[in-house]
């Protein structure tokens, strides 16, 4: 059972003088991610490396599963710690490591050595050559292949020595919280949870808003959105979900505006409300799951019409994705089966048979004037219905 893990990152390594900000955020996120795992763990940062040391019994699979959901991790390497890094002891430990890991299995290998401790009496190339020869003498089932080995046995010399050969892929990306906060427009569909996941991968902390329309949408539809937020929170950390009652505004639009413009006008008012809540909660932008041309409200003309009502930038991580691409990510984050549950959200109740696909902004503005007498009061009423649900993983 491994007692330590080396956490590798990639993109963080090019951050220059403020790299420590990203490293510290990654350490915090790792601690949060493994807090619910059985066991006691110490997470430390040391000269371009992050380590997890195990201080009790633990569940290996549970720990790895938690770490593979943390953005910013490029790879997780289970390591053997060697306190006595004298050359003779290091060779013995490496021999024990290979025997325990691979037994009599035949494979090609290469020894890669890194020496951060420059006082160590051997250089990195010397260690790689000498240790490779040592292992080759003791394991006749192994063969050296320096170009394309099946196994890379890595030795790192720091204040202690570290031996490892496994590298479990992480999600990469940036640590959540290092890129500010944004407001996700979350529906009960497939796309918006994936958009939340994708923007969180770039280090963005999430809040979310859901537009509920009782009695046309049921409590089951609301629960479905809460469940989807929980799926995203596994990766993004805690999400504050704002539930807004949109029924009154939706009915007014349905009664007073042209039916082929219903979806566009509703989206415009959703964006207005989402932006106000975003600004009140220090968000730097809005996030939607829109993809160009997927439906009538997501044509270039339609997106321009909805963008027009916002001053905050609108981020659309899925803008060039095919539907199958989105479905595959939805399945990977375990959101797909929840997304396809047959509980309608407020966007799908009042869908026009022939929605406009190339809305003219001036025409849409003119249609909205039919709501002038009532819309301000309705918006204030909608803001007052804000129900905040804190979603954790």
Protein backbone atom coordinates (compact mmCIF):
# COMPACT_ATOMS: atom_id res chain seq x y z
CA UNK A 1 0.00 0.00 0.00
CA UNK A 2 1.46 3.32 -1.08
CA UNK A 3 2.07 5.85 1.68
CA UNK A 4 2.66 8.86 -0.55
CA UNK A 5 1.56 10.35 -3.87
CA UNK A 6 3.29 12.84 -6.12
CA UNK A 7 0.84 15.26 -7.74
CA UNK A 8 2.03 16.63 -11.07
CA UNK A 9 0.70 19.70 -12.82
CA UNK A 10 1.40 21.02 -16.30
CA UNK A 11 -0.04 24.41 -17.25
CA UNK A 12 0.59 25.87 -13.80
CA UNK A 13 4.29 25.37 -14.43
CA UNK A 14 4.41 28.21 -16.99
CA UNK A 15 2.87 30.84 -14.72
CA UNK A 16 6.09 32.60 -13.81
CA UNK A 17 6.44 34.64 -10.63
CA UNK A 18 2.82 34.16 -9.54
CA UNK A 19 2.92 30.38 -9.95
CA UNK A 20 2.68 30.01 -6.17
CA UNK A 21 -0.87 31.44 -6.30
CA UNK A 22 -1.99 28.57 -8.54
CA UNK A 23 -0.02 25.99 -6.55
CA UNK A 24 -1.59 27.16 -3.29
CA UNK A 25 -5.07 27.02 -4.85
CA UNK A 26 -4.41 23.50 -6.09
CA UNK A 27 -3.25 22.42 -2.63
CA UNK A 28 -6.46 23.86 -1.10
CA UNK A 29 -8.64 22.13 -3.68
CA UNK A 30 -6.86 18.80 -3.14
CA UNK A 31 -7.40 19.06 0.61
CA UNK A 32 -11.08 19.81 0.05
CA UNK A 33 -11.46 16.96 -2.45
CA UNK A 34 -9.97 14.31 -0.14
CA UNK A 35 -11.51 15.61 3.08
CA UNK A 36 -14.31 13.05 2.90
CA UNK A 37 -12.01 10.13 2.09
CA UNK A 38 -11.32 7.57 4.80
CA UNK A 39 -7.88 8.19 6.24
CA UNK A 40 -5.60 10.98 7.42
CA UNK A 41 -3.58 12.82 4.77
CA UNK A 42 -1.04 15.62 4.74
CA UNK A 43 -0.80 17.72 1.57
CA UNK A 44 2.43 19.69 1.15
CA UNK A 45 4.10 21.82 -1.51
CA UNK A 46 7.83 21.60 -2.15
CA UNK A 47 9.81 23.29 -4.93
CA UNK A 48 7.57 22.62 -7.87
CA UNK A 49 6.06 19.45 -6.46
CA UNK A 50 2.91 18.69 -4.47
CA UNK A 51 2.87 15.60 -2.27
CA UNK A 52 0.19 13.75 -0.37
CA UNK A 53 1.49 11.69 2.53
CA UNK A 54 -0.76 9.07 4.08
CA UNK A 55 -0.75 8.91 7.87
CA UNK A 56 -3.29 6.16 8.52
CA UNK A 57 -5.11 3.29 6.87
CA UNK A 58 -7.00 4.44 3.77
CA UNK A 59 -8.92 3.31 0.71
CA UNK A 60 -6.59 3.59 -2.30
CA UNK A 61 -9.37 3.51 -4.93
CA UNK A 62 -11.42 6.11 -3.08
CA UNK A 63 -8.46 8.45 -2.84
CA UNK A 64 -7.54 8.12 -6.51
CA UNK A 65 -11.17 8.65 -7.54
CA UNK A 66 -11.31 11.90 -5.55
CA UNK A 67 -8.02 13.17 -7.01
CA UNK A 68 -9.04 12.43 -10.60
CA UNK A 69 -11.88 14.95 -10.17
CA UNK A 70 -9.62 17.89 -9.24
CA UNK A 71 -8.89 20.40 -12.00
CA UNK A 72 -5.23 21.36 -12.24
CA UNK A 73 -3.82 17.88 -11.67
CA UNK A 74 -2.00 16.50 -14.70
CA UNK A 75 -1.00 13.16 -13.15
CA UNK A 76 -1.08 11.25 -9.87
CA UNK A 77 1.99 9.14 -9.15
CA UNK A 78 1.92 6.65 -6.25
CA UNK A 79 5.43 6.82 -4.78
CA UNK A 80 7.65 4.94 -2.38
CA UNK A 81 9.41 7.25 0.08
CA UNK A 82 13.04 6.45 0.91
CA UNK A 83 14.44 8.29 3.94
CA UNK A 84 17.94 6.84 3.62
CA UNK A 85 19.00 7.97 0.15
CA UNK A 86 22.51 6.51 0.26
CA UNK A 87 23.28 4.81 -3.03
CA UNK A 88 23.39 1.26 -1.67
CA UNK A 89 20.07 1.66 0.12
CA UNK A 90 18.50 3.36 -2.89
CA UNK A 91 19.46 0.40 -5.09
CA UNK A 92 17.98 -2.01 -2.56
CA UNK A 93 14.74 -0.02 -2.33
CA UNK A 94 14.47 0.17 -6.11
CA UNK A 95 14.96 -3.57 -6.33
CA UNK A 96 12.24 -4.18 -3.73
CA UNK A 97 9.95 -1.77 -5.55
CA UNK A 98 10.32 -3.56 -8.91
CA UNK A 99 9.83 -6.97 -7.30
CA UNK A 100 6.68 -5.85 -5.49
CA UNK A 101 5.23 -4.09 -8.52
CA UNK A 102 6.10 -6.42 -11.36
CA UNK A 103 7.39 -9.73 -9.97
CA UNK A 104 8.55 -11.99 -12.80
CA UNK A 105 6.67 -10.13 -15.51
CA UNK A 106 8.69 -9.57 -18.69
CA UNK A 107 8.85 -5.97 -19.87
CA UNK A 108 11.14 -3.28 -21.22
CA UNK A 109 12.16 -0.44 -18.94
CA UNK A 110 14.12 2.74 -18.54
CA UNK A 111 15.37 4.42 -15.37
CA UNK A 112 14.83 8.18 -15.26
CA UNK A 113 16.61 10.02 -12.46
CA UNK A 114 16.16 13.60 -11.27
CA UNK A 115 18.45 15.19 -8.73
CA UNK A 116 17.19 18.32 -6.99
CA UNK A 117 19.71 17.77 -4.21
CA UNK A 118 22.84 18.98 -6.01
CA UNK A 119 25.03 17.74 -3.15
CA UNK A 120 24.20 14.15 -4.02
CA UNK A 121 27.45 12.46 -5.13
CA UNK A 122 26.05 11.18 -8.47
CA UNK A 123 24.59 13.11 -11.38
CA UNK A 124 21.16 12.29 -12.80
CA UNK A 125 22.55 10.53 -15.92
CA UNK A 126 24.96 8.51 -13.76
CA UNK A 127 22.15 7.38 -11.49
CA UNK A 128 20.00 6.33 -14.43
CA UNK A 129 22.81 4.27 -15.97
CA UNK A 130 24.00 2.67 -12.72
CA UNK A 131 20.57 1.83 -11.38
CA UNK A 132 19.44 0.49 -14.76
CA UNK A 133 22.44 -1.84 -14.81
CA UNK A 134 21.80 -2.88 -11.21
CA UNK A 135 18.19 -3.83 -11.94
CA UNK A 136 19.12 -5.55 -15.20
CA UNK A 137 21.55 -7.84 -13.33
CA UNK A 138 18.88 -8.88 -10.82
CA UNK A 139 15.84 -9.23 -13.07
CA UNK A 140 16.59 -11.36 -16.16
CA UNK A 141 12.97 -10.90 -17.26
CA UNK A 142 13.58 -7.18 -17.88
CA UNK A 143 15.18 -5.53 -20.91
CA UNK A 144 16.37 -1.96 -21.36
CA UNK A 145 14.67 0.22 -23.97
CA UNK A 146 15.62 3.89 -23.63
CA UNK A 147 13.47 5.03 -26.56
CA UNK A 148 10.07 3.40 -26.02
CA UNK A 149 10.03 1.52 -22.70
CA UNK A 150 6.92 -0.17 -21.38
CA UNK A 151 7.82 0.96 -17.84
CA UNK A 152 9.59 4.13 -16.75
CA UNK A 153 11.08 3.76 -13.28
CA UNK A 154 11.61 7.24 -11.92
CA UNK A 155 13.92 8.19 -9.07
CA UNK A 156 13.82 11.71 -7.61
CA UNK A 157 16.47 12.83 -5.15
CA UNK A 158 15.38 15.65 -2.87
CA UNK A 159 15.70 15.81 0.92
CA UNK A 160 14.36 12.28 0.57
CA UNK A 161 14.25 9.91 -2.37
CA UNK A 162 11.07 9.07 -4.27
CA UNK A 163 10.57 6.00 -6.45
CA UNK A 164 7.59 5.58 -8.77
CA UNK A 165 6.58 4.09 -12.10
CA UNK A 166 2.81 4.66 -12.39
CA UNK A 167 1.30 7.88 -13.68
CA UNK A 168 -2.50 8.08 -13.40
CA UNK A 169 -3.89 10.80 -15.70
CA UNK A 170 -5.64 13.78 -14.09
CA UNK A 171 -8.13 16.25 -15.55
CA UNK A 172 -5.49 18.97 -16.13
CA UNK A 173 -6.94 22.46 -16.54
CA UNK A 174 -6.57 25.18 -13.90
CA UNK A 175 -7.41 25.05 -10.17
CA UNK A 176 -10.97 26.19 -9.53
CA UNK A 177 -11.02 29.68 -8.02
CA UNK A 178 -7.96 31.05 -9.81
CA UNK A 179 -9.91 32.67 -12.67
CA UNK A 180 -12.67 34.53 -10.85
CA UNK A 181 -16.36 33.63 -10.58
CA UNK A 182 -19.16 33.37 -13.14
CA UNK A 183 -22.91 32.81 -13.14
CA UNK A 184 -24.05 29.65 -14.95
CA UNK A 185 -27.54 29.61 -16.45
CA UNK A 186 -28.43 26.06 -15.47
CA UNK A 187 -31.38 24.23 -16.99
CA UNK A 188 -32.45 20.62 -16.83
CA UNK A 189 -30.92 19.80 -20.22
CA UNK A 190 -27.71 18.15 -21.33
CA UNK A 191 -25.75 21.23 -22.34
CA UNK A 192 -25.61 23.64 -19.40
CA UNK A 193 -24.11 21.19 -16.86
CA UNK A 194 -21.39 20.39 -19.39
CA UNK A 195 -20.78 24.11 -19.90
CA UNK A 196 -20.39 24.50 -16.14
CA UNK A 197 -17.90 21.65 -16.04
CA UNK A 198 -15.91 23.08 -18.95
CA UNK A 199 -15.67 26.62 -17.56
CA UNK A 200 -14.72 25.26 -14.12
CA UNK A 201 -11.87 23.40 -15.82
CA UNK A 202 -10.39 26.80 -16.65
CA UNK A 203 -10.32 27.74 -12.98
CA UNK A 204 -13.67 29.57 -12.79
CA UNK A 205 -15.69 29.36 -9.57
CA UNK A 206 -19.40 28.86 -10.25
CA UNK A 207 -22.68 30.23 -9.05
CA UNK A 208 -25.80 29.15 -10.94
CA UNK A 209 -29.31 30.37 -11.65
CA UNK A 210 -32.31 28.22 -12.57
CA UNK A 211 -35.59 29.66 -13.86
CA UNK A 212 -38.53 27.75 -12.37
CA UNK A 213 -42.09 28.15 -13.73
CA UNK A 214 -44.63 26.52 -11.43
CA UNK A 215 -47.19 25.09 -12.02
CA UNK A 216 -45.94 24.51 -15.58
CA UNK A 217 -42.76 22.99 -14.21
CA UNK A 218 -42.95 20.55 -11.32
CA UNK A 219 -40.90 20.14 -8.18
CA UNK A 220 -39.40 17.10 -9.91
CA UNK A 221 -37.98 19.44 -12.58
CA UNK A 222 -36.45 21.61 -9.85
CA UNK A 223 -35.00 18.56 -8.09
CA UNK A 224 -33.54 17.44 -11.41
CA UNK A 225 -31.66 20.74 -11.72
CA UNK A 226 -30.43 20.46 -8.13
CA UNK A 227 -29.19 16.94 -8.93
CA UNK A 228 -27.38 18.25 -12.01
CA UNK A 229 -25.76 20.99 -9.96
CA UNK A 230 -24.49 18.28 -7.61
CA UNK A 231 -22.93 16.47 -10.58
CA UNK A 232 -21.07 19.64 -11.56
CA UNK A 233 -20.11 20.41 -7.94
CA UNK A 234 -18.12 17.17 -7.81
CA UNK A 235 -15.64 18.96 -10.07
CA UNK A 236 -16.25 22.66 -9.40
CA UNK A 237 -16.67 22.64 -5.64
CA UNK A 238 -19.60 24.24 -3.85
CA UNK A 239 -22.17 26.00 -6.06
CA UNK A 240 -24.75 28.50 -4.83
CA UNK A 241 -27.86 27.81 -6.91
CA UNK A 242 -30.36 30.68 -7.28
CA UNK A 243 -33.89 29.48 -8.10
CA UNK A 244 -36.00 32.24 -9.67
CA UNK A 245 -39.77 32.03 -10.22
CA UNK A 246 -40.20 32.98 -13.87
CA UNK A 247 -43.88 32.07 -14.37
CA UNK A 248 -45.34 35.57 -14.33
CA UNK A 249 -42.83 36.95 -16.81
CA UNK A 250 -43.17 33.92 -19.06
CA UNK A 251 -46.97 34.22 -19.14
CA UNK A 252 -46.81 37.93 -19.93
CA UNK A 253 -44.44 37.30 -22.84
CA UNK A 254 -46.74 34.52 -24.09
CA UNK A 255 -49.80 36.76 -23.95
CA UNK A 256 -48.36 39.99 -25.34
CA UNK A 257 -45.51 39.13 -27.71
CA UNK A 258 -45.42 37.40 -31.13
CA UNK A 259 -45.24 33.64 -30.62
CA UNK A 260 -42.40 33.11 -33.04
CA UNK A 261 -40.28 35.41 -30.83
CA UNK A 262 -41.21 33.78 -27.49
CA UNK A 263 -37.96 31.93 -26.91
CA UNK A 264 -35.72 34.87 -27.83
CA UNK A 265 -37.60 37.33 -25.62
CA UNK A 266 -37.68 34.89 -22.72
CA UNK A 267 -33.95 34.31 -23.09
CA UNK A 268 -33.35 38.07 -23.06
CA UNK A 269 -35.20 38.46 -19.77
CA UNK A 270 -33.42 35.46 -18.30
CA UNK A 271 -30.11 37.06 -19.23
CA UNK A 272 -31.15 40.36 -17.64
CA UNK A 273 -32.10 38.63 -14.40
CA UNK A 274 -29.01 36.42 -14.39
CA UNK A 275 -26.79 39.46 -14.93
CA UNK A 276 -28.31 41.36 -12.01
CA UNK A 277 -27.81 38.38 -9.68
CA UNK A 278 -24.29 37.90 -11.06
CA UNK A 279 -23.32 41.51 -10.36
CA UNK A 280 -24.71 41.29 -6.82
CA UNK A 281 -22.52 38.23 -6.22
CA UNK A 282 -19.25 39.50 -7.68
CA UNK A 283 -19.41 37.37 -10.82
CA UNK A 284 -17.35 38.47 -13.81
CA UNK A 285 -19.51 36.95 -16.53
CA UNK A 286 -22.40 34.69 -17.49
CA UNK A 287 -22.03 31.10 -18.73
CA UNK A 288 -24.48 29.28 -20.99
CA UNK A 289 -24.56 25.91 -22.71
CA UNK A 290 -25.34 27.30 -26.15
CA UNK A 291 -23.82 25.86 -29.32
CA UNK A 292 -24.09 27.59 -32.69
CA UNK A 293 -27.01 26.31 -34.75
CA UNK A 294 -28.14 23.61 -32.34
CA UNK A 295 -31.67 25.08 -32.03
CA UNK A 296 -33.47 28.19 -33.27
CA UNK A 297 -32.44 30.25 -30.24
CA UNK A 298 -28.78 29.43 -30.84
CA UNK A 299 -28.24 30.75 -34.36
CA UNK A 300 -25.74 33.58 -34.76
CA UNK A 301 -28.63 36.04 -35.12
CA UNK A 302 -30.33 34.72 -31.98
CA UNK A 303 -27.15 34.80 -29.91
CA UNK A 304 -26.58 38.40 -30.94
CA UNK A 305 -30.11 39.23 -29.80
CA UNK A 306 -29.62 37.70 -26.37
CA UNK A 307 -26.13 39.16 -25.94
CA UNK A 308 -27.46 42.64 -26.58
CA UNK A 309 -29.16 42.94 -23.18
CA UNK A 310 -25.97 42.12 -21.21
CA UNK A 311 -23.04 44.26 -20.20
CA UNK A 312 -21.17 41.36 -18.65
CA UNK A 313 -19.39 39.02 -21.07
CA UNK A 314 -21.26 35.82 -21.91
CA UNK A 315 -19.04 32.73 -22.00
CA UNK A 316 -20.16 29.78 -24.11
CA UNK A 317 -17.69 26.91 -23.64
CA UNK A 318 -19.66 24.63 -26.00
CA UNK A 319 -20.08 27.13 -28.81
CA UNK A 320 -18.40 24.97 -31.50
CA UNK A 321 -19.21 21.53 -30.07
CA UNK A 322 -21.30 18.95 -31.91
CA UNK A 323 -24.15 17.47 -29.89
CA UNK A 324 -22.38 14.11 -29.71
CA UNK A 325 -19.31 15.82 -28.25
CA UNK A 326 -21.49 17.33 -25.52
CA UNK A 327 -23.23 14.02 -24.82
CA UNK A 328 -19.90 12.24 -24.41
CA UNK A 329 -18.73 14.75 -21.80
CA UNK A 330 -22.14 14.60 -20.09
CA UNK A 331 -21.77 10.83 -19.81
CA UNK A 332 -18.20 11.16 -18.54
CA UNK A 333 -19.25 13.42 -15.68
CA UNK A 334 -22.24 11.21 -14.87
CA UNK A 335 -24.82 13.89 -15.72
CA UNK A 336 -26.39 12.39 -18.84
CA UNK A 337 -28.89 10.02 -17.23
CA UNK A 338 -30.13 12.83 -15.01
CA UNK A 339 -30.34 15.30 -17.90
CA UNK A 340 -32.59 13.03 -19.97
CA UNK A 341 -35.15 12.52 -17.22
CA UNK A 342 -38.54 13.61 -18.66
CA UNK A 343 -39.18 16.65 -16.44
CA UNK A 344 -39.63 19.82 -18.47
CA UNK A 345 -37.87 23.05 -17.57
CA UNK A 346 -39.42 26.46 -18.18
CA UNK A 347 -37.76 26.86 -21.58
CA UNK A 348 -39.62 23.96 -23.16
CA UNK A 349 -43.22 24.67 -22.06
CA UNK A 350 -43.98 27.60 -24.36
CA UNK A 351 -42.04 26.66 -27.48
CA UNK A 352 -43.36 28.12 -30.72
CA UNK A 353 -44.13 25.76 -33.56
CA UNK A 354 -42.15 27.96 -35.95
CA UNK A 355 -39.65 30.01 -33.91
CA UNK A 356 -37.76 32.80 -35.62
CA UNK A 357 -34.22 31.73 -36.51
CA UNK A 358 -32.88 35.10 -37.69
CA UNK A 359 -34.39 37.59 -35.26
CA UNK A 360 -33.90 41.28 -35.99
CA UNK A 361 -32.82 43.08 -32.83
CA UNK A 362 -34.87 46.16 -33.66
CA UNK A 363 -38.00 44.05 -34.17
CA UNK A 364 -37.39 42.22 -30.88
CA UNK A 365 -36.98 45.52 -29.02
CA UNK A 366 -40.25 46.74 -30.51
CA UNK A 367 -42.04 43.58 -29.39
CA UNK A 368 -40.71 44.08 -25.87
CA UNK A 369 -42.34 47.51 -25.68
CA UNK A 370 -45.64 45.66 -25.26
CA UNK A 371 -44.40 44.69 -21.80
CA UNK A 372 -43.33 48.20 -20.73
CA UNK A 373 -46.26 48.82 -18.38
CA UNK A 374 -45.72 45.68 -16.31
CA UNK A 375 -42.24 44.29 -16.77
CA UNK A 376 -40.38 46.38 -14.16
CA UNK A 377 -42.71 45.25 -11.38
CA UNK A 378 -42.51 41.67 -12.63
CA UNK A 379 -38.72 41.75 -12.61
CA UNK A 380 -38.66 43.04 -9.04
CA UNK A 381 -41.09 40.30 -8.03
CA UNK A 382 -38.88 37.71 -9.73
CA UNK A 383 -35.76 38.97 -7.91
CA UNK A 384 -37.63 38.70 -4.63
CA UNK A 385 -38.34 35.01 -5.22
CA UNK A 386 -34.62 34.17 -5.27
CA UNK A 387 -34.23 30.92 -3.35
CA UNK A 388 -30.58 30.09 -2.70
CA UNK A 389 -29.61 26.44 -2.40
CA UNK A 390 -26.02 25.61 -1.51
CA UNK A 391 -24.91 22.64 -3.56
CA UNK A 392 -21.96 20.59 -2.39
CA UNK A 393 -20.49 17.44 -3.86
